[in-house]
Amino acid sequence: MGDENSLVGIRKAGGISHRSRRSSRFLGIAREDLTGYLFISPWLIGFLAFTLGPFLGSLYLSFSRWNLLTPIKWVGTANYLKIFTDDPTFLKSLSNTAIYVLFRVPGVQLIGLALALVLNQKLRGIAVYRTLFYLPSVTAGVSTALIWLWLFNTYFGLINVALDALFGVQGPNWLYSRQWAMPSLIIMGWWNVGQPMIIYLAGLQNIPGHLYEAAEIDGAGLWAKFRNVTIPMLTPFVFFNLINSGIGAFRVFTNAYIMTRGGPAEATLFYVLNLFYVAFDDLRMGYASALAWILFLIILFFTLAQVRLSNRWVYYEAMKPAGGA
């Protein structure tokens, strides 16, 4: 009898609890969840208004013709067909961007890793040097471009003055030569290595010291420890930096726009710069949207390819089970 009364009490308590949970819902959403949505609403509104909305809008425009002055006209796949069949500027800008990515990304990784190795030493005042090498990464893009515009000046630029003073060599006409314009922007891209350098530095400081001790016991020298310990342990950081640097290199715009405007003779006409001219000089918004979606798919393809191939070369140290040996 007592057990039956207890069971009835439990059922009643469960019913009360169930009713209380039902009464705490508003428009089908639990009040706890509603509170969470309320707190993230500024970000949510911004995402819908400035990210998802333009994202879907550009997709629609890519199948349309619009010059900002006349009504939007649906043209189907005409923009994409024109891009692939009757637009030599598309291929030129894409090839220029591919060359830039091919040379800038590996250079940034090598320089960033070399600086991280140097700045990982336990020396007095090393934090100051780390800050100085990172500062270019927080400098505004336009300011950086103007500084390098002066450095690359043919007649009074610091680079040509140094070449003449040290080696007696007359420097090239950097930004105004079809041969040297692209290398100039690539060299400038190598200078901005602060972000990958910091990532590599964090990776180096995360490598357990006992791995180096074990390698030394086995008779490994500096190169053997670097090749067999440092590089494998840094592969997750290399992977992260490759993806970030690759995406950034595909989207290069400011340097070329400020310094060369795509010249000379379209030698530095990068993909995003060409897209900008199509959109805001020619006012072909639908065509520019189609170009933007092609770039999105290209970046997505290379990113997914790196993720797929990462299983073959990226090493993640196994995590120990919680509380276990």
C-alpha atoms as a PDB file:
ATOM      1  CA  MET A   1       0.000   0.000   0.000  1.00  0.00           C
ATOM      2  CA  GLY A   2       2.805   2.323   0.912  1.00  0.00           C
ATOM      3  CA  ASP A   3       4.566   1.512  -2.348  1.00  0.00           C
ATOM      4  CA  GLU A   4       1.392   2.341  -4.312  1.00  0.00           C
ATOM      5  CA  ASN A   5       1.061   5.700  -2.560  1.00  0.00           C
ATOM      6  CA  SER A   6       4.718   6.444  -3.272  1.00  0.00           C
ATOM      7  CA  LEU A   7       4.202   5.561  -6.949  1.00  0.00           C
ATOM      8  CA  VAL A   8       1.147   7.839  -7.166  1.00  0.00           C
ATOM      9  CA  GLY A   9       3.165  10.625  -5.566  1.00  0.00           C
ATOM     10  CA  ILE A  10       5.996  10.192  -8.033  1.00  0.00           C
ATOM     11  CA  ARG A  11       3.547  10.277 -10.949  1.00  0.00           C
ATOM     12  CA  LYS A  12       1.918  13.436  -9.618  1.00  0.00           C
ATOM     13  CA  ALA A  13       5.285  15.047  -9.112  1.00  0.00           C
ATOM     14  CA  GLY A  14       6.248  14.065 -12.635  1.00  0.00           C
ATOM     15  CA  GLY A  15       3.010  15.536 -13.962  1.00  0.00           C
ATOM     16  CA  ILE A  16       3.592  18.788 -12.115  1.00  0.00           C
ATOM     17  CA  SER A  17       7.153  18.898 -13.395  1.00  0.00           C
ATOM     18  CA  HIS A  18       5.981  18.185 -16.941  1.00  0.00           C
ATOM     19  CA  ARG A  19       3.306  20.886 -16.746  1.00  0.00           C
ATOM     20  CA  SER A  20       5.835  23.360 -15.344  1.00  0.00           C
ATOM     21  CA  ARG A  21       8.190  22.642 -18.223  1.00  0.00           C
ATOM     22  CA  ARG A  22       5.342  23.134 -20.688  1.00  0.00           C
ATOM     23  CA  SER A  23       4.309  26.401 -19.045  1.00  0.00           C
ATOM     24  CA  SER A  24       7.905  27.700 -19.291  1.00  0.00           C
ATOM     25  CA  ARG A  25       7.805  27.683 -23.083  1.00  0.00           C
ATOM     26  CA  PHE A  26       7.088  30.742 -25.219  1.00  0.00           C
ATOM     27  CA  LEU A  27       6.063  30.297 -28.872  1.00  0.00           C
ATOM     28  CA  GLY A  28       7.327  26.742 -28.733  1.00  0.00           C
ATOM     29  CA  ILE A  29      10.755  27.774 -27.401  1.00  0.00           C
ATOM     30  CA  ALA A  30      11.902  27.019 -23.878  1.00  0.00           C
ATOM     31  CA  ARG A  31      12.496  30.161 -21.825  1.00  0.00           C
ATOM     32  CA  GLU A  32      16.078  29.094 -21.131  1.00  0.00           C
ATOM     33  CA  ASP A  33      16.715  28.802 -24.868  1.00  0.00           C
ATOM     34  CA  LEU A  34      14.933  32.104 -25.470  1.00  0.00           C
ATOM     35  CA  THR A  35      17.279  33.782 -23.002  1.00  0.00           C
ATOM     36  CA  GLY A  36      20.252  32.382 -24.878  1.00  0.00           C
ATOM     37  CA  TYR A  37      18.908  33.622 -28.217  1.00  0.00           C
ATOM     38  CA  LEU A  38      18.326  37.031 -26.649  1.00  0.00           C
ATOM     39  CA  PHE A  39      21.955  37.289 -25.573  1.00  0.00           C
ATOM     40  CA  ILE A  40      23.299  36.316 -29.006  1.00  0.00           C
ATOM     41  CA  SER A  41      20.728  38.407 -30.887  1.00  0.00           C
ATOM     42  CA  PRO A  42      23.195  41.240 -31.759  1.00  0.00           C
ATOM     43  CA  TRP A  43      25.481  38.740 -33.494  1.00  0.00           C
ATOM     44  CA  LEU A  44      22.512  36.871 -34.979  1.00  0.00           C
ATOM     45  CA  ILE A  45      21.024  40.050 -36.463  1.00  0.00           C
ATOM     46  CA  GLY A  46      24.399  41.078 -37.821  1.00  0.00           C
ATOM     47  CA  PHE A  47      24.942  37.635 -39.349  1.00  0.00           C
ATOM     48  CA  LEU A  48      21.532  37.626 -41.050  1.00  0.00           C
ATOM     49  CA  ALA A  49      21.806  41.224 -42.263  1.00  0.00           C
ATOM     50  CA  PHE A  50      25.473  41.430 -43.267  1.00  0.00           C
ATOM     51  CA  THR A  51      26.559  37.850 -44.007  1.00  0.00           C
ATOM     52  CA  LEU A  52      23.790  35.406 -44.866  1.00  0.00           C
ATOM     53  CA  GLY A  53      21.623  38.028 -46.571  1.00  0.00           C
ATOM     54  CA  PRO A  54      24.336  39.321 -48.940  1.00  0.00           C
ATOM     55  CA  PHE A  55      25.527  35.728 -49.456  1.00  0.00           C
ATOM     56  CA  LEU A  56      22.129  34.618 -50.771  1.00  0.00           C
ATOM     57  CA  GLY A  57      21.609  37.924 -52.570  1.00  0.00           C
ATOM     58  CA  SER A  58      24.867  37.552 -54.499  1.00  0.00           C
ATOM     59  CA  LEU A  59      23.841  34.026 -55.486  1.00  0.00           C
ATOM     60  CA  TYR A  60      20.631  35.380 -57.008  1.00  0.00           C
ATOM     61  CA  LEU A  61      22.470  38.271 -58.685  1.00  0.00           C
ATOM     62  CA  SER A  62      24.965  35.856 -60.263  1.00  0.00           C
ATOM     63  CA  PHE A  63      22.095  34.619 -62.438  1.00  0.00           C
ATOM     64  CA  SER A  64      20.909  38.146 -63.206  1.00  0.00           C
ATOM     65  CA  ARG A  65      21.910  41.346 -64.978  1.00  0.00           C
ATOM     66  CA  TRP A  66      21.945  44.532 -62.886  1.00  0.00           C
ATOM     67  CA  ASN A  67      23.774  47.849 -63.183  1.00  0.00           C
ATOM     68  CA  LEU A  68      22.360  49.545 -60.036  1.00  0.00           C
ATOM     69  CA  LEU A  69      20.261  51.882 -62.214  1.00  0.00           C
ATOM     70  CA  THR A  70      17.794  49.549 -63.909  1.00  0.00           C
ATOM     71  CA  PRO A  71      15.643  46.718 -62.505  1.00  0.00           C
ATOM     72  CA  ILE A  72      17.279  43.343 -61.966  1.00  0.00           C
ATOM     73  CA  LYS A  73      16.826  41.054 -64.977  1.00  0.00           C
ATOM     74  CA  TRP A  74      17.084  37.263 -64.710  1.00  0.00           C
ATOM     75  CA  VAL A  75      19.469  35.857 -67.355  1.00  0.00           C
ATOM     76  CA  GLY A  76      20.027  32.327 -66.041  1.00  0.00           C
ATOM     77  CA  THR A  77      23.513  30.942 -66.635  1.00  0.00           C
ATOM     78  CA  ALA A  78      24.487  33.617 -69.183  1.00  0.00           C
ATOM     79  CA  ASN A  79      27.016  35.228 -66.830  1.00  0.00           C
ATOM     80  CA  TYR A  80      28.794  31.949 -66.155  1.00  0.00           C
ATOM     81  CA  LEU A  81      28.830  30.995 -69.838  1.00  0.00           C
ATOM     82  CA  LYS A  82      30.383  34.339 -70.749  1.00  0.00           C
ATOM     83  CA  ILE A  83      33.039  33.975 -68.047  1.00  0.00           C
ATOM     84  CA  PHE A  84      34.221  30.600 -69.328  1.00  0.00           C
ATOM     85  CA  THR A  85      33.830  31.209 -73.061  1.00  0.00           C
ATOM     86  CA  ASP A  86      34.316  34.917 -73.778  1.00  0.00           C
ATOM     87  CA  ASP A  87      36.320  36.635 -71.044  1.00  0.00           C
ATOM     88  CA  PRO A  88      40.123  36.585 -71.445  1.00  0.00           C
ATOM     89  CA  THR A  89      40.473  38.897 -68.443  1.00  0.00           C
ATOM     90  CA  PHE A  90      39.046  36.132 -66.231  1.00  0.00           C
ATOM     91  CA  LEU A  91      41.809  33.716 -67.243  1.00  0.00           C
ATOM     92  CA  LYS A  92      44.486  36.409 -66.948  1.00  0.00           C
ATOM     93  CA  SER A  93      43.431  37.447 -63.456  1.00  0.00           C
ATOM     94  CA  LEU A  94      43.084  33.829 -62.361  1.00  0.00           C
ATOM     95  CA  SER A  95      46.570  32.923 -63.618  1.00  0.00           C
ATOM     96  CA  ASN A  96      48.084  36.010 -61.929  1.00  0.00           C
ATOM     97  CA  THR A  97      46.419  35.034 -58.670  1.00  0.00           C
ATOM     98  CA  ALA A  98      47.615  31.432 -58.992  1.00  0.00           C
ATOM     99  CA  ILE A  99      51.221  32.611 -59.460  1.00  0.00           C
ATOM    100  CA  TYR A 100      50.918  34.876 -56.433  1.00  0.00           C
ATOM    101  CA  VAL A 101      49.507  32.058 -54.277  1.00  0.00           C
ATOM    102  CA  LEU A 102      52.141  29.593 -55.501  1.00  0.00           C
ATOM    103  CA  PHE A 103      55.060  31.810 -54.460  1.00  0.00           C
ATOM    104  CA  ARG A 104      53.667  33.770 -51.536  1.00  0.00           C
ATOM    105  CA  VAL A 105      52.219  30.971 -49.411  1.00  0.00           C
ATOM    106  CA  PRO A 106      55.347  28.738 -49.204  1.00  0.00           C
ATOM    107  CA  GLY A 107      57.561  31.802 -48.689  1.00  0.00           C
ATOM    108  CA  VAL A 108      55.441  33.051 -45.801  1.00  0.00           C
ATOM    109  CA  GLN A 109      55.499  29.610 -44.164  1.00  0.00           C
ATOM    110  CA  LEU A 110      59.282  29.249 -44.415  1.00  0.00           C
ATOM    111  CA  ILE A 111      60.033  32.770 -43.185  1.00  0.00           C
ATOM    112  CA  GLY A 112      57.442  32.537 -40.409  1.00  0.00           C
ATOM    113  CA  LEU A 113      58.851  29.205 -39.205  1.00  0.00           C
ATOM    114  CA  ALA A 114      62.440  30.490 -39.332  1.00  0.00           C
ATOM    115  CA  LEU A 115      61.518  33.557 -37.284  1.00  0.00           C
ATOM    116  CA  ALA A 116      59.574  31.417 -34.807  1.00  0.00           C
ATOM    117  CA  LEU A 117      62.620  29.188 -34.298  1.00  0.00           C
ATOM    118  CA  VAL A 118      64.787  32.236 -33.626  1.00  0.00           C
ATOM    119  CA  LEU A 119      62.245  33.903 -31.333  1.00  0.00           C
ATOM    120  CA  ASN A 120      61.705  30.688 -29.372  1.00  0.00           C
ATOM    121  CA  GLN A 121      65.081  31.095 -27.685  1.00  0.00           C
ATOM    122  CA  LYS A 122      65.164  31.980 -24.000  1.00  0.00           C
ATOM    123  CA  LEU A 123      66.975  35.281 -24.236  1.00  0.00           C
ATOM    124  CA  ARG A 124      66.669  38.526 -22.356  1.00  0.00           C
ATOM    125  CA  GLY A 125      64.229  40.925 -24.009  1.00  0.00           C
ATOM    126  CA  ILE A 126      62.956  38.314 -26.475  1.00  0.00           C
ATOM    127  CA  ALA A 127      59.367  39.521 -25.939  1.00  0.00           C
ATOM    128  CA  VAL A 128      60.303  42.887 -27.445  1.00  0.00           C
ATOM    129  CA  TYR A 129      61.583  41.220 -30.625  1.00  0.00           C
ATOM    130  CA  ARG A 130      58.463  39.083 -30.866  1.00  0.00           C
ATOM    131  CA  THR A 131      56.346  42.221 -30.675  1.00  0.00           C
ATOM    132  CA  LEU A 132      58.414  44.012 -33.323  1.00  0.00           C
ATOM    133  CA  PHE A 133      58.170  41.134 -35.782  1.00  0.00           C
ATOM    134  CA  TYR A 134      54.424  40.837 -35.198  1.00  0.00           C
ATOM    135  CA  LEU A 135      53.659  44.562 -35.615  1.00  0.00           C
ATOM    136  CA  PRO A 136      53.403  44.492 -39.454  1.00  0.00           C
ATOM    137  CA  SER A 137      50.409  42.156 -39.104  1.00  0.00           C
ATOM    138  CA  VAL A 138      48.364  44.798 -37.286  1.00  0.00           C
ATOM    139  CA  THR A 139      49.336  47.669 -39.595  1.00  0.00           C
ATOM    140  CA  ALA A 140      46.559  48.891 -41.878  1.00  0.00           C
ATOM    141  CA  GLY A 141      46.807  47.483 -45.400  1.00  0.00           C
ATOM    142  CA  VAL A 142      46.740  50.897 -47.087  1.00  0.00           C
ATOM    143  CA  SER A 143      49.522  52.211 -44.834  1.00  0.00           C
ATOM    144  CA  THR A 144      51.652  49.160 -45.582  1.00  0.00           C
ATOM    145  CA  ALA A 145      51.093  49.568 -49.328  1.00  0.00           C
ATOM    146  CA  LEU A 146      52.119  53.239 -49.216  1.00  0.00           C
ATOM    147  CA  ILE A 147      55.308  52.393 -47.304  1.00  0.00           C
ATOM    148  CA  TRP A 148      56.275  49.733 -49.854  1.00  0.00           C
ATOM    149  CA  LEU A 149      55.353  52.083 -52.681  1.00  0.00           C
ATOM    150  CA  TRP A 150      58.099  54.344 -51.399  1.00  0.00           C
ATOM    151  CA  LEU A 151      60.545  51.481 -50.813  1.00  0.00           C
ATOM    152  CA  PHE A 152      60.114  50.264 -54.411  1.00  0.00           C
ATOM    153  CA  ASN A 153      60.519  53.725 -55.943  1.00  0.00           C
ATOM    154  CA  THR A 154      62.953  53.535 -58.857  1.00  0.00           C
ATOM    155  CA  TYR A 155      64.888  56.725 -58.116  1.00  0.00           C
ATOM    156  CA  PHE A 156      64.837  57.379 -54.369  1.00  0.00           C
ATOM    157  CA  GLY A 157      63.409  54.144 -52.940  1.00  0.00           C
ATOM    158  CA  LEU A 158      65.368  52.644 -50.062  1.00  0.00           C
ATOM    159  CA  ILE A 159      65.801  49.287 -51.826  1.00  0.00           C
ATOM    160  CA  ASN A 160      67.427  50.717 -54.955  1.00  0.00           C
ATOM    161  CA  VAL A 161      69.506  53.159 -52.908  1.00  0.00           C
ATOM    162  CA  ALA A 162      70.815  50.245 -50.797  1.00  0.00           C
ATOM    163  CA  LEU A 163      71.582  48.154 -53.908  1.00  0.00           C
ATOM    164  CA  ASP A 164      73.544  51.029 -55.389  1.00  0.00           C
ATOM    165  CA  ALA A 165      75.424  51.824 -52.156  1.00  0.00           C
ATOM    166  CA  LEU A 166      76.312  48.241 -51.231  1.00  0.00           C
ATOM    167  CA  PHE A 167      76.842  46.526 -54.579  1.00  0.00           C
ATOM    168  CA  GLY A 168      77.023  49.320 -57.111  1.00  0.00           C
ATOM    169  CA  VAL A 169      74.021  47.808 -58.890  1.00  0.00           C
ATOM    170  CA  GLN A 170      71.235  49.843 -60.414  1.00  0.00           C
ATOM    171  CA  GLY A 171      67.961  48.466 -59.073  1.00  0.00           C
ATOM    172  CA  PRO A 172      65.124  47.487 -61.414  1.00  0.00           C
ATOM    173  CA  ASN A 173      62.068  49.556 -62.139  1.00  0.00           C
ATOM    174  CA  TRP A 174      60.121  47.478 -59.637  1.00  0.00           C
ATOM    175  CA  LEU A 175      56.444  48.360 -59.849  1.00  0.00           C
ATOM    176  CA  TYR A 176      56.546  49.864 -63.322  1.00  0.00           C
ATOM    177  CA  SER A 177      58.149  46.908 -65.054  1.00  0.00           C
ATOM    178  CA  ARG A 178      56.040  44.064 -66.375  1.00  0.00           C
ATOM    179  CA  GLN A 179      58.828  41.677 -65.417  1.00  0.00           C
ATOM    180  CA  TRP A 180      59.283  42.901 -61.843  1.00  0.00           C
ATOM    181  CA  ALA A 181      55.801  44.038 -60.767  1.00  0.00           C
ATOM    182  CA  MET A 182      54.613  40.582 -59.700  1.00  0.00           C
ATOM    183  CA  PRO A 183      57.859  39.705 -57.834  1.00  0.00           C
ATOM    184  CA  SER A 184      57.585  43.056 -56.040  1.00  0.00           C
ATOM    185  CA  LEU A 185      54.157  42.242 -54.634  1.00  0.00           C
ATOM    186  CA  ILE A 186      55.276  38.706 -53.726  1.00  0.00           C
ATOM    187  CA  ILE A 187      58.289  40.091 -51.817  1.00  0.00           C
ATOM    188  CA  MET A 188      55.973  42.507 -50.059  1.00  0.00           C
ATOM    189  CA  GLY A 189      53.710  39.575 -49.158  1.00  0.00           C
ATOM    190  CA  TRP A 190      56.645  37.746 -47.563  1.00  0.00           C
ATOM    191  CA  TRP A 191      57.177  40.671 -45.207  1.00  0.00           C
ATOM    192  CA  ASN A 192      53.818  40.210 -43.488  1.00  0.00           C
ATOM    193  CA  VAL A 193      54.571  36.989 -41.591  1.00  0.00           C
ATOM    194  CA  GLY A 194      53.516  38.010 -38.093  1.00  0.00           C
ATOM    195  CA  GLN A 195      50.417  35.836 -37.828  1.00  0.00           C
ATOM    196  CA  PRO A 196      51.936  32.527 -39.031  1.00  0.00           C
ATOM    197  CA  MET A 197      55.039  33.293 -36.972  1.00  0.00           C
ATOM    198  CA  ILE A 198      52.964  33.561 -33.781  1.00  0.00           C
ATOM    199  CA  ILE A 199      51.137  30.319 -34.612  1.00  0.00           C
ATOM    200  CA  TYR A 200      54.431  28.482 -35.178  1.00  0.00           C
ATOM    201  CA  LEU A 201      55.864  29.965 -31.996  1.00  0.00           C
ATOM    202  CA  ALA A 202      52.888  28.644 -30.029  1.00  0.00           C
ATOM    203  CA  GLY A 203      53.405  25.249 -31.660  1.00  0.00           C
ATOM    204  CA  LEU A 204      57.097  25.169 -30.774  1.00  0.00           C
ATOM    205  CA  GLN A 205      56.358  25.989 -27.148  1.00  0.00           C
ATOM    206  CA  ASN A 206      53.754  23.209 -27.087  1.00  0.00           C
ATOM    207  CA  ILE A 207      56.235  20.460 -28.023  1.00  0.00           C
ATOM    208  CA  PRO A 208      57.021  18.310 -24.953  1.00  0.00           C
ATOM    209  CA  GLY A 209      60.638  18.576 -23.865  1.00  0.00           C
ATOM    210  CA  HIS A 210      60.945  14.846 -23.191  1.00  0.00           C
ATOM    211  CA  LEU A 211      60.755  14.162 -26.932  1.00  0.00           C
ATOM    212  CA  TYR A 212      63.951  16.131 -27.491  1.00  0.00           C
ATOM    213  CA  GLU A 213      65.571  14.420 -24.508  1.00  0.00           C
ATOM    214  CA  ALA A 214      64.711  11.004 -25.940  1.00  0.00           C
ATOM    215  CA  ALA A 215      66.107  12.030 -29.320  1.00  0.00           C
ATOM    216  CA  GLU A 216      69.362  13.210 -27.696  1.00  0.00           C
ATOM    217  CA  ILE A 217      69.698   9.893 -25.874  1.00  0.00           C
ATOM    218  CA  ASP A 218      69.416   8.169 -29.249  1.00  0.00           C
ATOM    219  CA  GLY A 219      72.257  10.344 -30.529  1.00  0.00           C
ATOM    220  CA  ALA A 220      70.204  12.771 -32.638  1.00  0.00           C
ATOM    221  CA  GLY A 221      71.799  16.069 -33.603  1.00  0.00           C
ATOM    222  CA  LEU A 222      70.125  19.414 -34.258  1.00  0.00           C
ATOM    223  CA  TRP A 223      68.997  18.543 -37.779  1.00  0.00           C
ATOM    224  CA  ALA A 224      67.749  15.078 -36.764  1.00  0.00           C
ATOM    225  CA  LYS A 225      65.733  16.545 -33.878  1.00  0.00           C
ATOM    226  CA  PHE A 226      64.272  19.199 -36.160  1.00  0.00           C
ATOM    227  CA  ARG A 227      63.343  16.681 -38.860  1.00  0.00           C
ATOM    228  CA  ASN A 228      62.059  13.885 -36.616  1.00  0.00           C
ATOM    229  CA  VAL A 229      60.560  15.802 -33.683  1.00  0.00           C
ATOM    230  CA  THR A 230      59.918  19.460 -34.487  1.00  0.00           C
ATOM    231  CA  ILE A 231      58.427  19.101 -37.958  1.00  0.00           C
ATOM    232  CA  PRO A 232      56.043  16.192 -37.131  1.00  0.00           C
ATOM    233  CA  MET A 233      54.807  17.966 -34.002  1.00  0.00           C
ATOM    234  CA  LEU A 234      54.277  21.193 -35.943  1.00  0.00           C
ATOM    235  CA  THR A 235      52.236  19.653 -38.765  1.00  0.00           C
ATOM    236  CA  PRO A 236      48.832  20.715 -37.269  1.00  0.00           C
ATOM    237  CA  PHE A 237      50.099  24.304 -37.139  1.00  0.00           C
ATOM    238  CA  VAL A 238      51.488  24.060 -40.670  1.00  0.00           C
ATOM    239  CA  PHE A 239      48.108  22.791 -41.833  1.00  0.00           C
ATOM    240  CA  PHE A 240      46.279  25.666 -40.125  1.00  0.00           C
ATOM    241  CA  ASN A 241      48.656  28.279 -41.540  1.00  0.00           C
ATOM    242  CA  LEU A 242      48.501  26.837 -45.048  1.00  0.00           C
ATOM    243  CA  ILE A 243      44.725  27.123 -45.139  1.00  0.00           C
ATOM    244  CA  ASN A 244      44.682  30.650 -43.685  1.00  0.00           C
ATOM    245  CA  SER A 245      47.521  31.921 -45.877  1.00  0.00           C
ATOM    246  CA  GLY A 246      46.061  30.280 -48.975  1.00  0.00           C
ATOM    247  CA  ILE A 247      42.649  31.889 -48.483  1.00  0.00           C
ATOM    248  CA  GLY A 248      44.280  35.266 -47.833  1.00  0.00           C
ATOM    249  CA  ALA A 249      46.483  34.983 -50.926  1.00  0.00           C
ATOM    250  CA  PHE A 250      43.532  34.148 -53.171  1.00  0.00           C
ATOM    251  CA  ARG A 251      41.819  37.299 -51.907  1.00  0.00           C
ATOM    252  CA  VAL A 252      44.746  39.675 -52.498  1.00  0.00           C
ATOM    253  CA  PHE A 253      43.432  43.129 -53.401  1.00  0.00           C
ATOM    254  CA  THR A 254      44.673  46.123 -51.415  1.00  0.00           C
ATOM    255  CA  ASN A 255      48.350  45.945 -52.387  1.00  0.00           C
ATOM    256  CA  ALA A 256      47.667  45.722 -56.108  1.00  0.00           C
ATOM    257  CA  TYR A 257      44.920  48.348 -56.027  1.00  0.00           C
ATOM    258  CA  ILE A 258      47.021  50.942 -54.174  1.00  0.00           C
ATOM    259  CA  MET A 259      50.399  50.244 -55.792  1.00  0.00           C
ATOM    260  CA  THR A 260      49.843  49.117 -59.389  1.00  0.00           C
ATOM    261  CA  ARG A 261      46.096  49.238 -60.193  1.00  0.00           C
ATOM    262  CA  GLY A 262      46.618  45.897 -61.912  1.00  0.00           C
ATOM    263  CA  GLY A 263      49.376  47.085 -64.239  1.00  0.00           C
ATOM    264  CA  PRO A 264      51.627  47.326 -66.000  1.00  0.00           C
ATOM    265  CA  ALA A 265      49.862  45.573 -68.897  1.00  0.00           C
ATOM    266  CA  GLU A 266      47.685  43.567 -66.450  1.00  0.00           C
ATOM    267  CA  ALA A 267      50.786  41.962 -64.915  1.00  0.00           C
ATOM    268  CA  THR A 268      49.297  42.328 -61.426  1.00  0.00           C
ATOM    269  CA  LEU A 269      45.601  42.164 -62.277  1.00  0.00           C
ATOM    270  CA  PHE A 270      44.511  39.775 -59.535  1.00  0.00           C
ATOM    271  CA  TYR A 271      41.150  38.044 -59.407  1.00  0.00           C
ATOM    272  CA  VAL A 272      39.531  40.185 -56.694  1.00  0.00           C
ATOM    273  CA  LEU A 273      40.902  43.363 -58.283  1.00  0.00           C
ATOM    274  CA  ASN A 274      39.321  42.379 -61.590  1.00  0.00           C
ATOM    275  CA  LEU A 275      36.073  41.596 -59.750  1.00  0.00           C
ATOM    276  CA  PHE A 276      36.191  45.067 -58.166  1.00  0.00           C
ATOM    277  CA  TYR A 277      36.620  46.769 -61.538  1.00  0.00           C
ATOM    278  CA  VAL A 278      33.765  44.767 -63.051  1.00  0.00           C
ATOM    279  CA  ALA A 279      31.445  45.658 -60.168  1.00  0.00           C
ATOM    280  CA  PHE A 280      32.246  49.312 -59.448  1.00  0.00           C
ATOM    281  CA  ASP A 281      33.776  50.601 -62.688  1.00  0.00           C
ATOM    282  CA  ASP A 282      31.583  48.757 -65.188  1.00  0.00           C
ATOM    283  CA  LEU A 283      28.573  48.459 -62.814  1.00  0.00           C
ATOM    284  CA  ARG A 284      28.001  44.845 -63.876  1.00  0.00           C
ATOM    285  CA  MET A 285      26.859  43.584 -60.492  1.00  0.00           C
ATOM    286  CA  GLY A 286      25.422  40.318 -61.743  1.00  0.00           C
ATOM    287  CA  TYR A 287      28.598  39.438 -63.630  1.00  0.00           C
ATOM    288  CA  ALA A 288      30.734  40.401 -60.606  1.00  0.00           C
ATOM    289  CA  SER A 289      28.587  38.187 -58.380  1.00  0.00           C
ATOM    290  CA  ALA A 290      29.194  35.261 -60.735  1.00  0.00           C
ATOM    291  CA  LEU A 291      32.951  35.929 -60.532  1.00  0.00           C
ATOM    292  CA  ALA A 292      32.704  36.008 -56.739  1.00  0.00           C
ATOM    293  CA  TRP A 293      30.930  32.651 -56.615  1.00  0.00           C
ATOM    294  CA  ILE A 294      33.535  31.063 -58.886  1.00  0.00           C
ATOM    295  CA  LEU A 295      36.261  32.318 -56.515  1.00  0.00           C
ATOM    296  CA  PHE A 296      34.307  30.920 -53.571  1.00  0.00           C
ATOM    297  CA  LEU A 297      34.144  27.498 -55.234  1.00  0.00           C
ATOM    298  CA  ILE A 298      37.861  27.586 -56.097  1.00  0.00           C
ATOM    299  CA  ILE A 299      38.821  28.403 -52.502  1.00  0.00           C
ATOM    300  CA  LEU A 300      36.395  25.775 -51.208  1.00  0.00           C
ATOM    301  CA  PHE A 301      37.883  23.145 -53.528  1.00  0.00           C
ATOM    302  CA  PHE A 302      41.472  23.787 -52.465  1.00  0.00           C
ATOM    303  CA  THR A 303      40.507  23.981 -48.786  1.00  0.00           C
ATOM    304  CA  LEU A 304      38.632  20.661 -48.901  1.00  0.00           C
ATOM    305  CA  ALA A 305      41.517  19.103 -50.851  1.00  0.00           C
ATOM    306  CA  GLN A 306      43.951  20.149 -48.109  1.00  0.00           C
ATOM    307  CA  VAL A 307      41.620  18.788 -45.436  1.00  0.00           C
ATOM    308  CA  ARG A 308      41.340  15.498 -47.310  1.00  0.00           C
ATOM    309  CA  LEU A 309      45.106  15.187 -47.820  1.00  0.00           C
ATOM    310  CA  SER A 310      45.878  16.217 -44.245  1.00  0.00           C
ATOM    311  CA  ASN A 311      45.193  12.647 -43.063  1.00  0.00           C
ATOM    312  CA  ARG A 312      48.393  11.593 -44.821  1.00  0.00           C
ATOM    313  CA  TRP A 313      50.820  14.079 -43.278  1.00  0.00           C
ATOM    314  CA  VAL A 314      49.278  15.896 -40.283  1.00  0.00           C
ATOM    315  CA  TYR A 315      50.117  14.301 -36.935  1.00  0.00           C
ATOM    316  CA  TYR A 316      47.909  14.893 -33.900  1.00  0.00           C
ATOM    317  CA  GLU A 317      49.362  13.705 -30.613  1.00  0.00           C
ATOM    318  CA  ALA A 318      47.038  11.181 -28.948  1.00  0.00           C
ATOM    319  CA  MET A 319      45.225  12.575 -25.962  1.00  0.00           C
ATOM    320  CA  LYS A 320      45.489  10.641 -22.706  1.00  0.00           C
ATOM    321  CA  PRO A 321      42.196   9.407 -21.271  1.00  0.00           C
ATOM    322  CA  ALA A 322      40.920  11.519 -18.416  1.00  0.00           C
ATOM    323  CA  GLY A 323      42.405  10.418 -15.090  1.00  0.00           C
ATOM    324  CA  GLY A 324      44.202   7.466 -16.638  1.00  0.00           C
ATOM    325  CA  ALA A 325      47.816   6.599 -17.175  1.00  0.00           C
END
